[in-house]
Amino acid sequence: MKKALGLLETRGFTGLAVATDAMLKSASVELLKQVSIGGGFVTTVITGDVGSVKAAVEAGTEVAKNVGEFVSSHIIARPHDELDGMFK
């Protein structure tokens, strides 16, 4: 079974760190990467089964909204094979 991807973006690292912690504690997901985009924008990328990724992104989003400056989150349930190279 192909793993889903979850992305969560904040402005500021502290909010992202706390949100990432919540994501990893809330479901059986794996941290793939954290990306600094510039201008204070940072993104966490996680992977796992669709249900776990959805639960983790929802948990991280709630924390990010309360702790930092939440920007966006998204789940890709069935990512294209060529996306794998972007997160390694």
C-alpha atoms as a PDB file:
ATOM      1  CA  MET A   1       0.000   0.000   0.000  1.00  0.00           C
ATOM      2  CA  LYS A   2       1.295   3.429  -0.942  1.00  0.00           C
ATOM      3  CA  LYS A   3       1.784   5.853   1.930  1.00  0.00           C
ATOM      4  CA  ALA A   4       0.007   9.192   2.135  1.00  0.00           C
ATOM      5  CA  LEU A   5       1.793  12.525   2.590  1.00  0.00           C
ATOM      6  CA  GLY A   6       0.806  15.211   5.065  1.00  0.00           C
ATOM      7  CA  LEU A   7       2.094  18.778   4.949  1.00  0.00           C
ATOM      8  CA  LEU A   8       1.747  21.483   7.578  1.00  0.00           C
ATOM      9  CA  GLU A   9       3.106  25.009   7.144  1.00  0.00           C
ATOM     10  CA  THR A  10       3.548  27.771   9.695  1.00  0.00           C
ATOM     11  CA  ARG A  11       5.266  31.093   9.863  1.00  0.00           C
ATOM     12  CA  GLY A  12       7.871  30.709  12.561  1.00  0.00           C
ATOM     13  CA  PHE A  13       9.761  27.643  13.707  1.00  0.00           C
ATOM     14  CA  THR A  14       8.420  27.395  17.257  1.00  0.00           C
ATOM     15  CA  GLY A  15       4.839  26.836  16.135  1.00  0.00           C
ATOM     16  CA  LEU A  16       6.016  24.257  13.621  1.00  0.00           C
ATOM     17  CA  ALA A  17       8.123  22.397  16.197  1.00  0.00           C
ATOM     18  CA  VAL A  18       5.208  22.148  18.630  1.00  0.00           C
ATOM     19  CA  ALA A  19       2.788  21.171  15.836  1.00  0.00           C
ATOM     20  CA  THR A  20       5.217  18.521  14.545  1.00  0.00           C
ATOM     21  CA  ASP A  21       5.533  17.100  18.048  1.00  0.00           C
ATOM     22  CA  ALA A  22       1.730  16.846  18.268  1.00  0.00           C
ATOM     23  CA  MET A  23       1.542  15.198  14.853  1.00  0.00           C
ATOM     24  CA  LEU A  24       4.118  12.541  15.727  1.00  0.00           C
ATOM     25  CA  LYS A  25       2.493  11.805  19.102  1.00  0.00           C
ATOM     26  CA  SER A  26      -1.084  11.644  17.825  1.00  0.00           C
ATOM     27  CA  ALA A  27      -0.742   8.914  15.190  1.00  0.00           C
ATOM     28  CA  SER A  28       1.604   6.341  13.722  1.00  0.00           C
ATOM     29  CA  VAL A  29       3.347   8.580  11.182  1.00  0.00           C
ATOM     30  CA  GLU A  30       6.935   9.173  10.146  1.00  0.00           C
ATOM     31  CA  LEU A  31       8.647  12.539   9.809  1.00  0.00           C
ATOM     32  CA  LEU A  32      10.094  12.833   6.304  1.00  0.00           C
ATOM     33  CA  LYS A  33      11.419  16.351   6.245  1.00  0.00           C
ATOM     34  CA  GLN A  34      11.180  19.891   7.536  1.00  0.00           C
ATOM     35  CA  VAL A  35      11.658  22.552   4.884  1.00  0.00           C
ATOM     36  CA  SER A  36      12.534  26.199   5.445  1.00  0.00           C
ATOM     37  CA  ILE A  37      10.924  28.071   2.575  1.00  0.00           C
ATOM     38  CA  GLY A  38      12.122  31.573   3.453  1.00  0.00           C
ATOM     39  CA  GLY A  39      10.497  34.622   4.967  1.00  0.00           C
ATOM     40  CA  GLY A  40       9.890  32.658   8.155  1.00  0.00           C
ATOM     41  CA  PHE A  41       7.743  30.037   6.420  1.00  0.00           C
ATOM     42  CA  VAL A  42       8.529  26.433   7.373  1.00  0.00           C
ATOM     43  CA  THR A  43       6.834  23.162   6.449  1.00  0.00           C
ATOM     44  CA  THR A  44       6.791  19.693   7.984  1.00  0.00           C
ATOM     45  CA  VAL A  45       6.223  16.668   5.738  1.00  0.00           C
ATOM     46  CA  ILE A  46       5.000  13.395   7.259  1.00  0.00           C
ATOM     47  CA  THR A  47       4.035  10.023   5.818  1.00  0.00           C
ATOM     48  CA  GLY A  48       1.946   7.037   6.859  1.00  0.00           C
ATOM     49  CA  ASP A  49      -1.378   5.418   6.081  1.00  0.00           C
ATOM     50  CA  VAL A  50      -4.140   7.828   5.042  1.00  0.00           C
ATOM     51  CA  GLY A  51      -6.082   7.659   8.323  1.00  0.00           C
ATOM     52  CA  SER A  52      -3.009   8.237  10.469  1.00  0.00           C
ATOM     53  CA  VAL A  53      -1.781  11.112   8.318  1.00  0.00           C
ATOM     54  CA  LYS A  54      -5.220  12.745   8.433  1.00  0.00           C
ATOM     55  CA  ALA A  55      -5.383  12.426  12.232  1.00  0.00           C
ATOM     56  CA  ALA A  56      -1.842  13.741  12.633  1.00  0.00           C
ATOM     57  CA  VAL A  57      -2.365  16.742  10.350  1.00  0.00           C
ATOM     58  CA  GLU A  58      -5.604  17.629  12.145  1.00  0.00           C
ATOM     59  CA  ALA A  59      -3.845  17.450  15.529  1.00  0.00           C
ATOM     60  CA  GLY A  60      -0.898  19.499  14.284  1.00  0.00           C
ATOM     61  CA  THR A  61      -3.183  22.095  12.727  1.00  0.00           C
ATOM     62  CA  GLU A  62      -5.045  22.663  15.995  1.00  0.00           C
ATOM     63  CA  VAL A  63      -1.803  23.080  17.911  1.00  0.00           C
ATOM     64  CA  ALA A  64      -0.303  25.388  15.284  1.00  0.00           C
ATOM     65  CA  LYS A  65      -3.377  27.623  15.395  1.00  0.00           C
ATOM     66  CA  ASN A  66      -3.024  27.959  19.176  1.00  0.00           C
ATOM     67  CA  VAL A  67       0.749  28.275  19.455  1.00  0.00           C
ATOM     68  CA  GLY A  68       2.033  29.944  16.313  1.00  0.00           C
ATOM     69  CA  GLU A  69       1.020  31.419  13.019  1.00  0.00           C
ATOM     70  CA  PHE A  70      -0.678  28.595  11.100  1.00  0.00           C
ATOM     71  CA  VAL A  71      -0.505  29.017   7.314  1.00  0.00           C
ATOM     72  CA  SER A  72      -1.780  25.857   5.630  1.00  0.00           C
ATOM     73  CA  SER A  73      -2.061  22.081   5.754  1.00  0.00           C
ATOM     74  CA  HIS A  74      -2.784  19.467   3.132  1.00  0.00           C
ATOM     75  CA  ILE A  75      -2.993  15.698   2.736  1.00  0.00           C
ATOM     76  CA  ILE A  76      -2.069  13.857  -0.443  1.00  0.00           C
ATOM     77  CA  ALA A  77      -3.684  10.439  -0.119  1.00  0.00           C
ATOM     78  CA  ARG A  78      -2.049   8.805  -3.128  1.00  0.00           C
ATOM     79  CA  PRO A  79       1.022  10.797  -4.169  1.00  0.00           C
ATOM     80  CA  HIS A  80       2.509  10.231  -7.613  1.00  0.00           C
ATOM     81  CA  ASP A  81       5.671   8.108  -7.607  1.00  0.00           C
ATOM     82  CA  GLU A  82       7.772  11.028  -8.830  1.00  0.00           C
ATOM     83  CA  LEU A  83       7.007  13.019  -5.673  1.00  0.00           C
ATOM     84  CA  ASP A  84       9.115  10.590  -3.636  1.00  0.00           C
ATOM     85  CA  GLY A  85      12.331  12.284  -4.750  1.00  0.00           C
ATOM     86  CA  MET A  86      11.193  15.678  -3.463  1.00  0.00           C
ATOM     87  CA  PHE A  87      11.234  14.569   0.168  1.00  0.00           C
ATOM     88  CA  LYS A  88      14.509  12.677   0.478  1.00  0.00           C
END
